[in-house]
Amino acid sequence: MDDHNSVPAVVELSGSACWALLRTTSIGRLAIWLGDHPDIFPLNYAVDHGTIVFRTGIGTKFSASLSDWPVAFEADGYDADEAEAWSVVVKGNAEEVLKRQDMMDTLDLPLHPWQAGIKDRFIRIIPTALSGRRFAVASPDVWQTPLSGGRRSSID
């Protein structure tokens, strides 16, 4: 079988493998339901005792996260040495960190938002589902066509 017809396997990850990978990065995306449509926000996060924690300010992300709708969180990564990518999705319910001891513990997490501004609220995602997968990244030549590399017409 030649390389163009073989499809590398997608490996479903165990829960412990998912959590281990989530600990290797600090950037992910939060998917929330906003009014009548979904929305996605990039954010910095930390893993804390089997949960995902992020900080935010009062606003859209804060209020939508704490609505009656569940949230989803995704983080991805790429291992250049192995030419493998991974993706982990956490689905669950979000709650604000309010208890004094929980707040004290949360302040020690390495949460460093990129965007300036007041980010004085901490949100914890309590998982109801966790899934992840790892897969080999296809070589760019797999997607080559006779038109690849040709000049494109200008939009102007």
Protein backbone atom coordinates (compact mmCIF):
# COMPACT_ATOMS: atom_id res chain seq x y z
CA MET A 1 0.00 0.00 0.00
CA ASP A 2 1.51 3.39 -0.92
CA ASP A 3 1.63 6.35 1.46
CA HIS A 4 -1.21 8.18 -0.29
CA ASN A 5 -3.71 5.38 0.36
CA SER A 6 -2.75 4.45 3.91
CA VAL A 7 -4.42 6.36 6.70
CA PRO A 8 -2.54 6.50 10.00
CA ALA A 9 -4.53 5.36 12.99
CA VAL A 10 -6.17 7.79 15.35
CA VAL A 11 -5.41 6.69 18.88
CA GLU A 12 -8.09 7.34 21.49
CA LEU A 13 -6.42 8.51 24.69
CA SER A 14 -7.10 7.34 28.23
CA GLY A 15 -8.29 9.82 30.82
CA SER A 16 -4.89 9.90 32.50
CA ALA A 17 -3.17 10.51 29.14
CA CYS A 18 -5.61 13.37 28.46
CA TRP A 19 -4.85 15.04 31.79
CA ALA A 20 -1.10 14.57 31.28
CA LEU A 21 -1.29 16.30 27.89
CA LEU A 22 -3.46 19.12 29.25
CA ARG A 23 -0.69 19.81 31.77
CA THR A 24 1.85 20.35 28.95
CA THR A 25 0.28 23.55 27.62
CA SER A 26 -1.61 26.51 29.02
CA ILE A 27 -3.61 27.77 26.03
CA GLY A 28 -6.99 26.38 25.05
CA ARG A 29 -10.43 27.36 23.77
CA LEU A 30 -13.64 27.66 25.73
CA ALA A 31 -16.87 26.95 23.85
CA ILE A 32 -20.01 28.45 25.37
CA TRP A 33 -23.61 28.99 24.38
CA LEU A 34 -24.28 32.70 23.98
CA GLY A 35 -27.93 33.64 23.55
CA ASP A 36 -28.94 31.86 20.36
CA HIS A 37 -25.51 30.74 19.12
CA PRO A 38 -22.26 29.11 20.18
CA ASP A 39 -19.09 31.15 20.66
CA ILE A 40 -15.45 30.30 21.32
CA PHE A 41 -12.90 32.16 23.43
CA PRO A 42 -9.17 31.49 23.59
CA LEU A 43 -7.89 31.46 27.15
CA ASN A 44 -5.04 30.61 29.46
CA TYR A 45 -5.80 27.78 31.84
CA ALA A 46 -4.36 25.48 34.46
CA VAL A 47 -5.21 21.93 35.43
CA ASP A 48 -6.18 21.67 39.08
CA HIS A 49 -7.24 18.39 40.72
CA GLY A 50 -9.03 16.99 37.69
CA THR A 51 -10.59 20.30 36.66
CA ILE A 52 -9.75 23.17 34.32
CA VAL A 53 -9.39 26.62 35.90
CA PHE A 54 -9.17 29.98 34.14
CA ARG A 55 -9.44 33.59 35.17
CA THR A 56 -11.58 36.25 33.60
CA GLY A 57 -13.32 39.51 34.31
CA ILE A 58 -16.99 40.34 34.45
CA GLY A 59 -18.35 40.17 30.92
CA THR A 60 -19.63 37.88 28.19
CA LYS A 61 -17.31 34.94 28.87
CA PHE A 62 -17.96 35.13 32.62
CA SER A 63 -21.76 35.29 32.43
CA ALA A 64 -22.13 32.74 29.61
CA SER A 65 -19.80 30.29 31.38
CA LEU A 66 -21.98 30.39 34.47
CA SER A 67 -25.30 30.03 32.63
CA ASP A 68 -27.41 26.88 32.83
CA TRP A 69 -25.72 25.55 29.65
CA PRO A 70 -22.72 23.20 29.82
CA VAL A 71 -19.40 24.33 28.37
CA ALA A 72 -16.69 22.63 26.35
CA PHE A 73 -12.96 23.21 26.50
CA GLU A 74 -10.34 22.08 23.98
CA ALA A 75 -6.56 22.14 23.95
CA ASP A 76 -4.26 20.83 21.25
CA GLY A 77 -0.58 20.19 20.82
CA TYR A 78 2.03 19.03 18.37
CA ASP A 79 5.12 16.90 18.94
CA ALA A 80 7.51 17.87 16.14
CA ASP A 81 9.97 15.07 16.97
CA GLU A 82 7.27 12.43 16.50
CA ALA A 83 5.24 14.36 13.87
CA GLU A 84 2.15 13.71 16.00
CA ALA A 85 -0.65 15.98 17.05
CA TRP A 86 -3.11 15.60 19.90
CA SER A 87 -6.42 17.10 20.88
CA VAL A 88 -8.25 16.87 24.21
CA VAL A 89 -11.85 17.98 24.85
CA VAL A 90 -13.33 18.50 28.30
CA LYS A 91 -17.10 18.89 28.54
CA GLY A 92 -18.77 19.92 31.76
CA ASN A 93 -20.24 22.59 33.93
CA ALA A 94 -18.53 25.79 34.97
CA GLU A 95 -18.70 27.34 38.40
CA GLU A 96 -17.10 30.37 39.95
CA VAL A 97 -14.47 29.70 42.60
CA LEU A 98 -15.89 31.40 45.68
CA LYS A 99 -14.94 29.43 48.81
CA ARG A 100 -12.11 31.05 50.71
CA GLN A 101 -9.81 27.98 50.79
CA ASP A 102 -10.49 27.19 47.13
CA MET A 103 -9.69 30.81 46.23
CA MET A 104 -6.42 30.70 48.19
CA ASP A 105 -5.41 27.49 46.41
CA THR A 106 -6.40 28.93 43.02
CA LEU A 107 -4.26 32.04 43.50
CA ASP A 108 -1.18 29.80 43.43
CA LEU A 109 -2.00 28.39 39.97
CA PRO A 110 0.11 29.66 37.04
CA LEU A 111 -2.70 31.61 35.38
CA HIS A 112 -1.26 34.47 33.34
CA PRO A 113 -3.80 35.93 30.88
CA TRP A 114 -2.36 37.48 27.71
CA GLN A 115 -4.83 40.33 27.60
CA ALA A 116 -4.50 43.21 30.04
CA GLY A 117 -7.40 44.27 32.19
CA ILE A 118 -9.13 43.14 35.33
CA LYS A 119 -9.25 39.34 35.49
CA ASP A 120 -10.25 38.92 39.11
CA ARG A 121 -12.73 36.04 38.73
CA PHE A 122 -11.75 32.38 38.67
CA ILE A 123 -13.89 29.80 36.86
CA ARG A 124 -13.56 26.06 37.31
CA ILE A 125 -14.82 23.57 34.72
CA ILE A 126 -16.04 20.40 36.43
CA PRO A 127 -15.79 17.64 33.80
CA THR A 128 -18.71 15.42 32.90
CA ALA A 129 -16.89 13.99 29.86
CA LEU A 130 -13.27 13.83 28.77
CA SER A 131 -11.92 12.62 25.43
CA GLY A 132 -8.69 12.86 23.55
CA ARG A 133 -6.91 11.55 20.52
CA ARG A 134 -3.43 11.43 19.07
CA PHE A 135 -2.62 11.04 15.39
CA ALA A 136 0.26 11.27 12.96
CA VAL A 137 0.37 14.52 11.02
CA ALA A 138 0.14 13.97 7.28
CA SER A 139 2.98 15.18 5.13
CA PRO A 140 1.95 18.26 3.11
CA ASP A 141 2.63 16.37 -0.14
CA VAL A 142 -0.35 14.10 0.63
CA TRP A 143 -2.61 17.02 -0.20
CA GLN A 144 -0.80 18.13 -3.36
CA THR A 145 -2.86 18.43 -6.55
CA PRO A 146 -1.85 19.32 -10.10
CA LEU A 147 -2.84 22.91 -9.26
CA SER A 148 -0.80 23.13 -6.04
CA GLY A 149 1.82 25.84 -6.19
CA GLY A 150 0.11 27.60 -9.10
CA ARG A 151 -0.42 31.35 -9.14
CA ARG A 152 -3.60 32.58 -7.59
CA SER A 153 -5.63 35.38 -9.03
CA SER A 154 -5.70 38.63 -7.15
CA ILE A 155 -8.78 39.52 -5.12
CA ASP A 156 -8.54 43.08 -6.44
